[in-house]
Amino acid sequence: MNDTAIASIDASGDAHEARCASFADYVSLMKPRVMMLVVFTAFAGLVAAPVDMNLVMAGSAILSVALASGAAGALNMWYDHDIDAIMQRTATRPVPSGLIPREEALGLGLVVSAISVTLMALAANPLAAGLLAFSIFFYAMVYTQWLKRSTAQNIVIGGAAGAFPPLIGWVAATGEMSINAWLMFAIIFFWTPPHFWALSLWTSKEYAKAGVPMLPVTAGAKATRLQILLYSILLAPLGVLPAVTGLGGVGYGVVSAALGVWFLYGAVRVFASQAGDESAQGEADMKHAKRLFGASIIYLFALFAVLAIEHGLGLYRATGINLLSGGMS
């Protein structure tokens, strides 16, 4: 056990009993909640691909994505131990709390990364394995070690890391990248800023204390609310576009349109509010930002759930103009 895990002292000066890291702590190190969404979107991408994949190979490919997500999470916690310790929201994570030493987090992240990429290469194809390796590198190195601490656009550019899973799932099944695969990537890419900026509106003080240049810290809450609205205006029609390209069917078209209106309504409510402002009204209006954050998760999950259901259960029925074939579907 490392020294920082021996004991902690509360405000009254009483010592708490020390404990060793448990299996649950190592699971927490791999950010399981983030992993769930990553795995689900990768699964949707694989199922929506126009090629059937052997069930064992498909399961192995999805497992490799889960392992890669966990590895990237461990590497993120290894590097961000200093700022995680400062922010209340992250201070209880295994590394900043002293339960798991940094070197263990680094070692676990590197080993699991290698396993995940190797497994993907064996289960699918070299292109999928290469994309998986790049996604780990992008999140752990480009986003975590560079963008996060250097620019207010960290979430915008870094959003690519979370957008790779459906693209990887598609490539695992087909061995190639198509417009529809990149369309799924684009949906998550443009979803990420309003999702995380809604969160950052009520955690901006913690980010400021940790020296992380999130948009509310550098540009203020008003500018952040405007950016949330602008990205939501771009996202709403983008989310419907798979019904036009032939990726999504009739059901997807209806659901995505309704969800887009719902998401945009939430973004307008945030924009019209004072959420994040240093005022009593700003504190009261924070409910709108929190609701949008929760709605954004439902929005993304529902979009990819419909895609997976349509293709996986044979309910797919093309609608609209298929831009990929140049004719009516």
C-alpha atoms as a PDB file:
ATOM      1  CA  MET A   1       0.000   0.000   0.000  1.00  0.00           C
ATOM      2  CA  ASN A   2       1.344   3.474  -0.795  1.00  0.00           C
ATOM      3  CA  ASP A   3       1.841   6.038   1.966  1.00  0.00           C
ATOM      4  CA  THR A   4      -1.051   8.278   0.936  1.00  0.00           C
ATOM      5  CA  ALA A   5      -3.485   5.396   1.368  1.00  0.00           C
ATOM      6  CA  ILE A   6      -2.596   4.746   5.019  1.00  0.00           C
ATOM      7  CA  ALA A   7      -5.151   7.045   6.607  1.00  0.00           C
ATOM      8  CA  SER A   8      -6.950  10.337   6.275  1.00  0.00           C
ATOM      9  CA  ILE A   9      -7.771  12.867   8.954  1.00  0.00           C
ATOM     10  CA  ASP A  10     -11.199  14.476   9.111  1.00  0.00           C
ATOM     11  CA  ALA A  11     -11.937  18.039  10.231  1.00  0.00           C
ATOM     12  CA  SER A  12     -12.173  17.031  13.879  1.00  0.00           C
ATOM     13  CA  GLY A  13      -8.769  15.409  13.805  1.00  0.00           C
ATOM     14  CA  ASP A  14      -9.979  11.825  14.099  1.00  0.00           C
ATOM     15  CA  ALA A  15      -8.181   9.239  11.986  1.00  0.00           C
ATOM     16  CA  HIS A  16     -10.193   7.026   9.682  1.00  0.00           C
ATOM     17  CA  GLU A  17      -9.280   3.397   9.327  1.00  0.00           C
ATOM     18  CA  ALA A  18      -7.136   2.785   6.252  1.00  0.00           C
ATOM     19  CA  ARG A  19      -8.190   0.270   3.642  1.00  0.00           C
ATOM     20  CA  CYS A  20      -6.556  -1.428   0.701  1.00  0.00           C
ATOM     21  CA  ALA A  21      -7.792  -0.934  -2.809  1.00  0.00           C
ATOM     22  CA  SER A  22     -10.568  -3.359  -3.705  1.00  0.00           C
ATOM     23  CA  PHE A  23     -11.562  -4.871  -7.021  1.00  0.00           C
ATOM     24  CA  ALA A  24     -14.276  -2.213  -7.236  1.00  0.00           C
ATOM     25  CA  ASP A  25     -11.599   0.494  -6.970  1.00  0.00           C
ATOM     26  CA  TYR A  26      -9.756  -0.948  -9.968  1.00  0.00           C
ATOM     27  CA  VAL A  27     -13.032  -1.083 -11.875  1.00  0.00           C
ATOM     28  CA  SER A  28     -13.635   2.553 -10.945  1.00  0.00           C
ATOM     29  CA  LEU A  29     -10.174   3.381 -12.276  1.00  0.00           C
ATOM     30  CA  MET A  30     -11.412   2.376 -15.731  1.00  0.00           C
ATOM     31  CA  LYS A  31     -14.393   4.772 -15.630  1.00  0.00           C
ATOM     32  CA  PRO A  32     -17.193   2.196 -16.067  1.00  0.00           C
ATOM     33  CA  ARG A  33     -19.959   4.775 -16.630  1.00  0.00           C
ATOM     34  CA  VAL A  34     -18.077   6.283 -19.544  1.00  0.00           C
ATOM     35  CA  MET A  35     -17.268   2.770 -20.758  1.00  0.00           C
ATOM     36  CA  MET A  36     -20.957   1.847 -20.927  1.00  0.00           C
ATOM     37  CA  LEU A  37     -21.765   4.600 -23.430  1.00  0.00           C
ATOM     38  CA  VAL A  38     -18.597   3.896 -25.418  1.00  0.00           C
ATOM     39  CA  VAL A  39     -19.413   0.200 -25.679  1.00  0.00           C
ATOM     40  CA  PHE A  40     -23.031   0.855 -26.568  1.00  0.00           C
ATOM     41  CA  THR A  41     -22.242   3.247 -29.433  1.00  0.00           C
ATOM     42  CA  ALA A  42     -19.576   0.848 -30.740  1.00  0.00           C
ATOM     43  CA  PHE A  43     -22.118  -1.968 -30.627  1.00  0.00           C
ATOM     44  CA  ALA A  44     -24.640   0.182 -32.525  1.00  0.00           C
ATOM     45  CA  GLY A  45     -22.043   0.962 -35.174  1.00  0.00           C
ATOM     46  CA  LEU A  46     -21.202  -2.706 -35.578  1.00  0.00           C
ATOM     47  CA  VAL A  47     -24.854  -3.785 -35.800  1.00  0.00           C
ATOM     48  CA  ALA A  48     -25.760  -0.992 -38.231  1.00  0.00           C
ATOM     49  CA  ALA A  49     -22.947  -1.967 -40.593  1.00  0.00           C
ATOM     50  CA  PRO A  50     -24.198  -3.655 -43.792  1.00  0.00           C
ATOM     51  CA  VAL A  51     -22.114  -6.772 -43.158  1.00  0.00           C
ATOM     52  CA  ASP A  52     -22.902  -9.676 -40.848  1.00  0.00           C
ATOM     53  CA  MET A  53     -20.113 -10.561 -38.444  1.00  0.00           C
ATOM     54  CA  ASN A  54     -19.478 -13.857 -36.681  1.00  0.00           C
ATOM     55  CA  LEU A  55     -20.978 -13.602 -33.187  1.00  0.00           C
ATOM     56  CA  VAL A  56     -17.792 -14.666 -31.412  1.00  0.00           C
ATOM     57  CA  MET A  57     -15.688 -12.231 -33.408  1.00  0.00           C
ATOM     58  CA  ALA A  58     -18.253  -9.474 -32.900  1.00  0.00           C
ATOM     59  CA  GLY A  59     -18.304 -10.088 -29.158  1.00  0.00           C
ATOM     60  CA  SER A  60     -14.505 -10.040 -29.060  1.00  0.00           C
ATOM     61  CA  ALA A  61     -14.445  -6.762 -30.997  1.00  0.00           C
ATOM     62  CA  ILE A  62     -16.872  -5.136 -28.565  1.00  0.00           C
ATOM     63  CA  LEU A  63     -14.843  -6.481 -25.626  1.00  0.00           C
ATOM     64  CA  SER A  64     -11.731  -4.915 -27.098  1.00  0.00           C
ATOM     65  CA  VAL A  65     -13.522  -1.548 -27.264  1.00  0.00           C
ATOM     66  CA  ALA A  66     -14.527  -1.904 -23.608  1.00  0.00           C
ATOM     67  CA  LEU A  67     -10.956  -2.723 -22.618  1.00  0.00           C
ATOM     68  CA  ALA A  68      -9.629   0.205 -24.640  1.00  0.00           C
ATOM     69  CA  SER A  69     -12.089   2.566 -22.956  1.00  0.00           C
ATOM     70  CA  GLY A  70     -11.024   1.298 -19.543  1.00  0.00           C
ATOM     71  CA  ALA A  71      -7.353   1.615 -20.435  1.00  0.00           C
ATOM     72  CA  ALA A  72      -7.844   5.203 -21.597  1.00  0.00           C
ATOM     73  CA  GLY A  73      -9.688   5.962 -18.355  1.00  0.00           C
ATOM     74  CA  ALA A  74      -6.825   4.575 -16.276  1.00  0.00           C
ATOM     75  CA  LEU A  75      -4.272   6.600 -18.233  1.00  0.00           C
ATOM     76  CA  ASN A  76      -6.424   9.693 -17.780  1.00  0.00           C
ATOM     77  CA  MET A  77      -6.528   9.192 -14.007  1.00  0.00           C
ATOM     78  CA  TRP A  78      -2.782   8.560 -13.928  1.00  0.00           C
ATOM     79  CA  TYR A  79      -2.016  11.891 -15.572  1.00  0.00           C
ATOM     80  CA  ASP A  80      -4.809  13.960 -14.017  1.00  0.00           C
ATOM     81  CA  HIS A  81      -4.111  12.911 -10.430  1.00  0.00           C
ATOM     82  CA  ASP A  82      -3.151  16.473  -9.465  1.00  0.00           C
ATOM     83  CA  ILE A  83      -6.241  18.260 -10.741  1.00  0.00           C
ATOM     84  CA  ASP A  84      -8.526  15.382  -9.730  1.00  0.00           C
ATOM     85  CA  ALA A  85      -7.341  15.853  -6.143  1.00  0.00           C
ATOM     86  CA  ILE A  86      -8.361  19.525  -6.221  1.00  0.00           C
ATOM     87  CA  MET A  87     -11.885  19.113  -7.591  1.00  0.00           C
ATOM     88  CA  GLN A  88     -14.565  17.832  -5.240  1.00  0.00           C
ATOM     89  CA  ARG A  89     -16.265  15.886  -8.035  1.00  0.00           C
ATOM     90  CA  THR A  90     -13.128  13.810  -8.700  1.00  0.00           C
ATOM     91  CA  ALA A  91     -11.240  13.854  -5.394  1.00  0.00           C
ATOM     92  CA  THR A  92     -12.560  10.434  -4.356  1.00  0.00           C
ATOM     93  CA  ARG A  93     -11.261   8.690  -7.481  1.00  0.00           C
ATOM     94  CA  PRO A  94      -8.848   5.811  -6.751  1.00  0.00           C
ATOM     95  CA  VAL A  95      -5.615   7.639  -7.645  1.00  0.00           C
ATOM     96  CA  PRO A  96      -6.103  11.066  -5.992  1.00  0.00           C
ATOM     97  CA  SER A  97      -7.585   9.394  -2.904  1.00  0.00           C
ATOM     98  CA  GLY A  98      -4.404   7.299  -2.599  1.00  0.00           C
ATOM     99  CA  LEU A  99      -6.054   3.890  -2.960  1.00  0.00           C
ATOM    100  CA  ILE A 100      -4.214   3.053  -6.177  1.00  0.00           C
ATOM    101  CA  PRO A 101      -0.651   4.333  -6.801  1.00  0.00           C
ATOM    102  CA  ARG A 102      -0.071   6.329  -9.986  1.00  0.00           C
ATOM    103  CA  GLU A 103       2.425   3.814 -11.331  1.00  0.00           C
ATOM    104  CA  GLU A 104      -0.169   1.040 -11.027  1.00  0.00           C
ATOM    105  CA  ALA A 105      -2.711   3.120 -12.949  1.00  0.00           C
ATOM    106  CA  LEU A 106      -0.132   3.785 -15.657  1.00  0.00           C
ATOM    107  CA  GLY A 107       0.912   0.144 -15.865  1.00  0.00           C
ATOM    108  CA  LEU A 108      -2.651  -1.099 -15.990  1.00  0.00           C
ATOM    109  CA  GLY A 109      -3.547   1.423 -18.671  1.00  0.00           C
ATOM    110  CA  LEU A 110      -0.614   0.467 -20.891  1.00  0.00           C
ATOM    111  CA  VAL A 111      -1.065  -3.293 -20.501  1.00  0.00           C
ATOM    112  CA  VAL A 112      -4.821  -3.218 -21.103  1.00  0.00           C
ATOM    113  CA  SER A 113      -4.289  -0.913 -24.108  1.00  0.00           C
ATOM    114  CA  ALA A 114      -1.972  -3.463 -25.691  1.00  0.00           C
ATOM    115  CA  ILE A 115      -4.406  -6.310 -24.966  1.00  0.00           C
ATOM    116  CA  SER A 116      -7.375  -4.433 -26.426  1.00  0.00           C
ATOM    117  CA  VAL A 117      -5.615  -3.513 -29.669  1.00  0.00           C
ATOM    118  CA  THR A 118      -4.237  -7.028 -30.111  1.00  0.00           C
ATOM    119  CA  LEU A 119      -7.653  -8.555 -29.503  1.00  0.00           C
ATOM    120  CA  MET A 120      -9.254  -6.222 -32.053  1.00  0.00           C
ATOM    121  CA  ALA A 121      -6.638  -7.123 -34.664  1.00  0.00           C
ATOM    122  CA  LEU A 122      -7.324 -10.834 -34.114  1.00  0.00           C
ATOM    123  CA  ALA A 123     -11.126 -10.525 -33.951  1.00  0.00           C
ATOM    124  CA  ALA A 124     -11.661  -8.010 -36.747  1.00  0.00           C
ATOM    125  CA  ASN A 125      -9.037  -6.398 -38.954  1.00  0.00           C
ATOM    126  CA  PRO A 126      -5.913  -4.185 -38.833  1.00  0.00           C
ATOM    127  CA  LEU A 127      -7.823  -1.006 -39.701  1.00  0.00           C
ATOM    128  CA  ALA A 128     -10.171  -1.395 -36.737  1.00  0.00           C
ATOM    129  CA  ALA A 129      -7.204  -2.163 -34.483  1.00  0.00           C
ATOM    130  CA  GLY A 130      -5.373   0.905 -35.761  1.00  0.00           C
ATOM    131  CA  LEU A 131      -8.382   3.147 -35.129  1.00  0.00           C
ATOM    132  CA  LEU A 132      -8.741   1.689 -31.641  1.00  0.00           C
ATOM    133  CA  ALA A 133      -5.075   2.359 -30.869  1.00  0.00           C
ATOM    134  CA  PHE A 134      -5.384   5.906 -32.182  1.00  0.00           C
ATOM    135  CA  SER A 135      -8.495   6.554 -30.079  1.00  0.00           C
ATOM    136  CA  ILE A 136      -6.607   5.555 -26.919  1.00  0.00           C
ATOM    137  CA  PHE A 137      -3.671   7.755 -27.924  1.00  0.00           C
ATOM    138  CA  PHE A 138      -5.953  10.673 -28.738  1.00  0.00           C
ATOM    139  CA  TYR A 139      -7.765  10.556 -25.392  1.00  0.00           C
ATOM    140  CA  ALA A 140      -4.780   9.796 -23.169  1.00  0.00           C
ATOM    141  CA  MET A 141      -2.199  11.986 -24.903  1.00  0.00           C
ATOM    142  CA  VAL A 142      -3.785  14.607 -27.157  1.00  0.00           C
ATOM    143  CA  TYR A 143      -6.801  15.413 -24.966  1.00  0.00           C
ATOM    144  CA  THR A 144      -5.654  14.602 -21.436  1.00  0.00           C
ATOM    145  CA  GLN A 145      -2.049  15.770 -21.590  1.00  0.00           C
ATOM    146  CA  TRP A 146      -2.397  18.681 -24.023  1.00  0.00           C
ATOM    147  CA  LEU A 147      -5.843  20.026 -24.890  1.00  0.00           C
ATOM    148  CA  LYS A 148      -7.469  19.754 -21.480  1.00  0.00           C
ATOM    149  CA  ARG A 149      -4.949  22.033 -19.801  1.00  0.00           C
ATOM    150  CA  SER A 150      -4.139  24.391 -22.640  1.00  0.00           C
ATOM    151  CA  THR A 151      -7.283  25.554 -24.445  1.00  0.00           C
ATOM    152  CA  ALA A 152     -10.946  26.324 -23.866  1.00  0.00           C
ATOM    153  CA  GLN A 153     -11.611  24.322 -27.032  1.00  0.00           C
ATOM    154  CA  ASN A 154     -10.445  21.164 -25.232  1.00  0.00           C
ATOM    155  CA  ILE A 155     -13.901  19.594 -25.344  1.00  0.00           C
ATOM    156  CA  VAL A 156     -14.511  20.566 -28.967  1.00  0.00           C
ATOM    157  CA  ILE A 157     -11.330  19.009 -30.354  1.00  0.00           C
ATOM    158  CA  GLY A 158     -11.092  16.329 -27.687  1.00  0.00           C
ATOM    159  CA  GLY A 159     -14.634  15.235 -28.495  1.00  0.00           C
ATOM    160  CA  ALA A 160     -13.165  13.183 -31.314  1.00  0.00           C
ATOM    161  CA  ALA A 161     -11.954  10.656 -28.735  1.00  0.00           C
ATOM    162  CA  GLY A 162     -15.501   9.802 -27.713  1.00  0.00           C
ATOM    163  CA  ALA A 163     -16.732   9.862 -31.305  1.00  0.00           C
ATOM    164  CA  PHE A 164     -14.544   6.979 -32.491  1.00  0.00           C
ATOM    165  CA  PRO A 165     -16.488   3.980 -31.018  1.00  0.00           C
ATOM    166  CA  PRO A 166     -19.310   3.684 -33.616  1.00  0.00           C
ATOM    167  CA  LEU A 167     -16.782   4.233 -36.397  1.00  0.00           C
ATOM    168  CA  ILE A 168     -14.599   1.472 -34.935  1.00  0.00           C
ATOM    169  CA  GLY A 169     -17.610  -0.845 -34.611  1.00  0.00           C
ATOM    170  CA  TRP A 170     -18.516  -0.251 -38.248  1.00  0.00           C
ATOM    171  CA  VAL A 171     -14.933  -0.820 -39.435  1.00  0.00           C
ATOM    172  CA  ALA A 172     -14.645  -3.973 -37.314  1.00  0.00           C
ATOM    173  CA  ALA A 173     -17.566  -5.434 -39.278  1.00  0.00           C
ATOM    174  CA  THR A 174     -16.802  -4.088 -42.747  1.00  0.00           C
ATOM    175  CA  GLY A 175     -13.057  -3.444 -42.829  1.00  0.00           C
ATOM    176  CA  GLU A 176     -13.649  -0.022 -44.354  1.00  0.00           C
ATOM    177  CA  MET A 177     -14.870   3.483 -43.535  1.00  0.00           C
ATOM    178  CA  SER A 178     -17.951   4.920 -45.249  1.00  0.00           C
ATOM    179  CA  ILE A 179     -19.929   8.146 -45.173  1.00  0.00           C
ATOM    180  CA  ASN A 180     -22.438   6.593 -42.778  1.00  0.00           C
ATOM    181  CA  ALA A 181     -19.666   5.517 -40.419  1.00  0.00           C
ATOM    182  CA  TRP A 182     -18.295   9.054 -40.353  1.00  0.00           C
ATOM    183  CA  LEU A 183     -21.833  10.387 -39.888  1.00  0.00           C
ATOM    184  CA  MET A 184     -22.136   8.484 -36.617  1.00  0.00           C
ATOM    185  CA  PHE A 185     -18.748   9.919 -35.642  1.00  0.00           C
ATOM    186  CA  ALA A 186     -19.982  13.437 -36.469  1.00  0.00           C
ATOM    187  CA  ILE A 187     -23.130  13.087 -34.360  1.00  0.00           C
ATOM    188  CA  ILE A 188     -21.115  12.315 -31.232  1.00  0.00           C
ATOM    189  CA  PHE A 189     -18.498  14.926 -32.110  1.00  0.00           C
ATOM    190  CA  PHE A 190     -21.095  17.725 -32.240  1.00  0.00           C
ATOM    191  CA  TRP A 191     -23.000  16.300 -29.259  1.00  0.00           C
ATOM    192  CA  THR A 192     -19.967  16.458 -26.963  1.00  0.00           C
ATOM    193  CA  PRO A 193     -19.618  20.255 -26.529  1.00  0.00           C
ATOM    194  CA  PRO A 194     -23.190  21.006 -25.380  1.00  0.00           C
ATOM    195  CA  HIS A 195     -23.114  17.882 -23.218  1.00  0.00           C
ATOM    196  CA  PHE A 196     -19.925  18.808 -21.343  1.00  0.00           C
ATOM    197  CA  TRP A 197     -20.456  22.563 -21.338  1.00  0.00           C
ATOM    198  CA  ALA A 198     -23.809  22.021 -19.620  1.00  0.00           C
ATOM    199  CA  LEU A 199     -21.894  20.122 -16.930  1.00  0.00           C
ATOM    200  CA  SER A 200     -19.144  22.744 -16.745  1.00  0.00           C
ATOM    201  CA  LEU A 201     -21.658  25.528 -16.034  1.00  0.00           C
ATOM    202  CA  TRP A 202     -22.168  24.197 -12.519  1.00  0.00           C
ATOM    203  CA  THR A 203     -18.632  22.893 -11.992  1.00  0.00           C
ATOM    204  CA  SER A 204     -16.796  25.962 -13.348  1.00  0.00           C
ATOM    205  CA  LYS A 205     -15.493  26.982  -9.929  1.00  0.00           C
ATOM    206  CA  GLU A 206     -13.817  23.614  -9.498  1.00  0.00           C
ATOM    207  CA  TYR A 207     -12.264  23.818 -12.953  1.00  0.00           C
ATOM    208  CA  ALA A 208     -11.029  27.328 -12.197  1.00  0.00           C
ATOM    209  CA  LYS A 209      -9.507  26.171  -8.907  1.00  0.00           C
ATOM    210  CA  ALA A 210      -7.729  23.331 -10.718  1.00  0.00           C
ATOM    211  CA  GLY A 211      -6.501  25.629 -13.492  1.00  0.00           C
ATOM    212  CA  VAL A 212      -8.434  23.852 -16.250  1.00  0.00           C
ATOM    213  CA  PRO A 213      -9.463  26.375 -18.948  1.00  0.00           C
ATOM    214  CA  MET A 214     -12.998  25.190 -19.537  1.00  0.00           C
ATOM    215  CA  LEU A 215     -15.121  27.626 -21.538  1.00  0.00           C
ATOM    216  CA  PRO A 216     -17.107  29.043 -18.564  1.00  0.00           C
ATOM    217  CA  VAL A 217     -13.780  29.797 -16.857  1.00  0.00           C
ATOM    218  CA  THR A 218     -12.163  31.572 -19.806  1.00  0.00           C
ATOM    219  CA  ALA A 219     -15.156  33.141 -21.570  1.00  0.00           C
ATOM    220  CA  GLY A 220     -17.850  33.247 -18.908  1.00  0.00           C
ATOM    221  CA  ALA A 221     -21.242  31.620 -18.466  1.00  0.00           C
ATOM    222  CA  LYS A 222     -23.050  33.818 -21.013  1.00  0.00           C
ATOM    223  CA  ALA A 223     -20.666  32.881 -23.830  1.00  0.00           C
ATOM    224  CA  THR A 224     -20.914  29.224 -22.809  1.00  0.00           C
ATOM    225  CA  ARG A 225     -24.702  29.290 -22.971  1.00  0.00           C
ATOM    226  CA  LEU A 226     -24.491  30.769 -26.474  1.00  0.00           C
ATOM    227  CA  GLN A 227     -22.067  28.058 -27.614  1.00  0.00           C
ATOM    228  CA  ILE A 228     -24.343  25.380 -26.175  1.00  0.00           C
ATOM    229  CA  LEU A 229     -27.212  26.771 -28.265  1.00  0.00           C
ATOM    230  CA  LEU A 230     -25.146  27.055 -31.461  1.00  0.00           C
ATOM    231  CA  TYR A 231     -23.842  23.489 -31.239  1.00  0.00           C
ATOM    232  CA  SER A 232     -27.348  22.238 -30.443  1.00  0.00           C
ATOM    233  CA  ILE A 233     -28.679  23.986 -33.567  1.00  0.00           C
ATOM    234  CA  LEU A 234     -26.046  22.115 -35.588  1.00  0.00           C
ATOM    235  CA  LEU A 235     -26.663  18.821 -33.804  1.00  0.00           C
ATOM    236  CA  ALA A 236     -30.452  18.640 -34.202  1.00  0.00           C
ATOM    237  CA  PRO A 237     -30.517  18.285 -38.030  1.00  0.00           C
ATOM    238  CA  LEU A 238     -27.300  16.276 -38.013  1.00  0.00           C
ATOM    239  CA  GLY A 239     -28.982  13.719 -35.784  1.00  0.00           C
ATOM    240  CA  VAL A 240     -31.753  13.281 -38.367  1.00  0.00           C
ATOM    241  CA  LEU A 241     -29.372  12.973 -41.318  1.00  0.00           C
ATOM    242  CA  PRO A 242     -28.934   9.155 -41.065  1.00  0.00           C
ATOM    243  CA  ALA A 243     -32.588   8.856 -42.139  1.00  0.00           C
ATOM    244  CA  VAL A 244     -31.627  10.732 -45.316  1.00  0.00           C
ATOM    245  CA  THR A 245     -28.429   8.833 -46.127  1.00  0.00           C
ATOM    246  CA  GLY A 246     -30.070   5.452 -45.695  1.00  0.00           C
ATOM    247  CA  LEU A 247     -28.358   4.539 -42.432  1.00  0.00           C
ATOM    248  CA  GLY A 248     -31.538   5.010 -40.402  1.00  0.00           C
ATOM    249  CA  GLY A 249     -35.042   3.927 -41.268  1.00  0.00           C
ATOM    250  CA  VAL A 250     -38.525   5.335 -40.789  1.00  0.00           C
ATOM    251  CA  GLY A 251     -38.471   4.771 -37.041  1.00  0.00           C
ATOM    252  CA  TYR A 252     -35.119   6.440 -36.706  1.00  0.00           C
ATOM    253  CA  GLY A 253     -36.292   9.436 -38.706  1.00  0.00           C
ATOM    254  CA  VAL A 254     -39.299  10.002 -36.456  1.00  0.00           C
ATOM    255  CA  VAL A 255     -37.441   9.425 -33.190  1.00  0.00           C
ATOM    256  CA  SER A 256     -34.401  11.502 -34.130  1.00  0.00           C
ATOM    257  CA  ALA A 257     -36.562  14.443 -35.232  1.00  0.00           C
ATOM    258  CA  ALA A 258     -38.518  14.394 -31.973  1.00  0.00           C
ATOM    259  CA  LEU A 259     -35.357  14.061 -29.909  1.00  0.00           C
ATOM    260  CA  GLY A 260     -33.714  16.880 -31.832  1.00  0.00           C
ATOM    261  CA  VAL A 261     -36.592  19.237 -31.061  1.00  0.00           C
ATOM    262  CA  TRP A 262     -36.483  18.184 -27.395  1.00  0.00           C
ATOM    263  CA  PHE A 263     -32.724  18.701 -27.162  1.00  0.00           C
ATOM    264  CA  LEU A 264     -32.921  22.077 -28.901  1.00  0.00           C
ATOM    265  CA  TYR A 265     -35.713  23.176 -26.565  1.00  0.00           C
ATOM    266  CA  GLY A 266     -33.490  22.371 -23.591  1.00  0.00           C
ATOM    267  CA  ALA A 267     -30.611  24.312 -25.134  1.00  0.00           C
ATOM    268  CA  VAL A 268     -32.859  27.342 -25.721  1.00  0.00           C
ATOM    269  CA  ARG A 269     -33.947  27.183 -22.080  1.00  0.00           C
ATOM    270  CA  VAL A 270     -30.314  27.202 -20.976  1.00  0.00           C
ATOM    271  CA  PHE A 271     -29.467  30.079 -23.330  1.00  0.00           C
ATOM    272  CA  ALA A 272     -32.400  32.168 -22.064  1.00  0.00           C
ATOM    273  CA  SER A 273     -31.467  31.482 -18.442  1.00  0.00           C
ATOM    274  CA  GLN A 274     -28.724  32.877 -16.233  1.00  0.00           C
ATOM    275  CA  ALA A 275     -27.276  29.459 -15.448  1.00  0.00           C
ATOM    276  CA  GLY A 276     -23.671  29.802 -14.313  1.00  0.00           C
ATOM    277  CA  ASP A 277     -23.877  33.513 -13.514  1.00  0.00           C
ATOM    278  CA  GLU A 278     -22.665  34.753 -10.133  1.00  0.00           C
ATOM    279  CA  SER A 279     -26.127  35.654  -8.929  1.00  0.00           C
ATOM    280  CA  ALA A 280     -29.040  34.208  -7.026  1.00  0.00           C
ATOM    281  CA  GLN A 281     -30.945  33.908 -10.291  1.00  0.00           C
ATOM    282  CA  GLY A 282     -27.959  32.167 -11.857  1.00  0.00           C
ATOM    283  CA  GLU A 283     -27.980  29.573  -9.091  1.00  0.00           C
ATOM    284  CA  ALA A 284     -31.714  29.067  -9.456  1.00  0.00           C
ATOM    285  CA  ASP A 285     -31.421  28.700 -13.227  1.00  0.00           C
ATOM    286  CA  MET A 286     -28.718  26.048 -12.905  1.00  0.00           C
ATOM    287  CA  LYS A 287     -31.530  23.492 -13.029  1.00  0.00           C
ATOM    288  CA  HIS A 288     -31.797  24.123 -16.769  1.00  0.00           C
ATOM    289  CA  ALA A 289     -28.134  23.214 -17.331  1.00  0.00           C
ATOM    290  CA  LYS A 290     -28.469  20.087 -15.219  1.00  0.00           C
ATOM    291  CA  ARG A 291     -31.600  19.042 -17.110  1.00  0.00           C
ATOM    292  CA  LEU A 292     -29.862  19.532 -20.450  1.00  0.00           C
ATOM    293  CA  PHE A 293     -26.909  17.465 -19.266  1.00  0.00           C
ATOM    294  CA  GLY A 294     -29.225  14.609 -18.343  1.00  0.00           C
ATOM    295  CA  ALA A 295     -31.248  15.024 -21.532  1.00  0.00           C
ATOM    296  CA  SER A 296     -28.085  14.890 -23.640  1.00  0.00           C
ATOM    297  CA  ILE A 297     -27.287  11.414 -22.339  1.00  0.00           C
ATOM    298  CA  ILE A 298     -30.801  10.197 -23.091  1.00  0.00           C
ATOM    299  CA  TYR A 299     -30.628  11.811 -26.534  1.00  0.00           C
ATOM    300  CA  LEU A 300     -27.443  10.059 -27.606  1.00  0.00           C
ATOM    301  CA  PHE A 301     -28.426   6.723 -26.106  1.00  0.00           C
ATOM    302  CA  ALA A 302     -31.824   6.819 -27.818  1.00  0.00           C
ATOM    303  CA  LEU A 303     -30.402   7.688 -31.247  1.00  0.00           C
ATOM    304  CA  PHE A 304     -27.994   4.774 -31.255  1.00  0.00           C
ATOM    305  CA  ALA A 305     -30.517   2.457 -29.602  1.00  0.00           C
ATOM    306  CA  VAL A 306     -32.952   2.998 -32.465  1.00  0.00           C
ATOM    307  CA  LEU A 307     -30.211   2.343 -35.028  1.00  0.00           C
ATOM    308  CA  ALA A 308     -29.242  -0.872 -33.255  1.00  0.00           C
ATOM    309  CA  ILE A 309     -32.860  -2.023 -32.916  1.00  0.00           C
ATOM    310  CA  GLU A 310     -33.748  -1.281 -36.521  1.00  0.00           C
ATOM    311  CA  HIS A 311     -30.785  -3.172 -37.926  1.00  0.00           C
ATOM    312  CA  GLY A 312     -30.390  -5.805 -35.230  1.00  0.00           C
ATOM    313  CA  LEU A 313     -34.026  -6.896 -35.121  1.00  0.00           C
ATOM    314  CA  GLY A 314     -34.674  -6.543 -38.824  1.00  0.00           C
ATOM    315  CA  LEU A 315     -37.012  -3.576 -38.387  1.00  0.00           C
ATOM    316  CA  TYR A 316     -35.027  -1.367 -40.744  1.00  0.00           C
ATOM    317  CA  ARG A 317     -37.088   0.276 -43.454  1.00  0.00           C
ATOM    318  CA  ALA A 318     -35.341   2.931 -45.511  1.00  0.00           C
ATOM    319  CA  THR A 319     -36.997   6.280 -46.000  1.00  0.00           C
ATOM    320  CA  GLY A 320     -36.287   9.525 -47.803  1.00  0.00           C
ATOM    321  CA  ILE A 321     -33.584  10.236 -50.363  1.00  0.00           C
ATOM    322  CA  ASN A 322     -30.589   7.941 -50.078  1.00  0.00           C
ATOM    323  CA  LEU A 323     -27.674  10.230 -50.889  1.00  0.00           C
ATOM    324  CA  LEU A 324     -25.303   7.300 -51.113  1.00  0.00           C
ATOM    325  CA  SER A 325     -27.147   5.635 -53.959  1.00  0.00           C
ATOM    326  CA  GLY A 326     -28.427   8.817 -55.548  1.00  0.00           C
ATOM    327  CA  GLY A 327     -32.066   7.738 -55.734  1.00  0.00           C
ATOM    328  CA  MET A 328     -35.211   7.265 -53.725  1.00  0.00           C
ATOM    329  CA  SER A 329     -35.204   4.632 -50.993  1.00  0.00           C
END
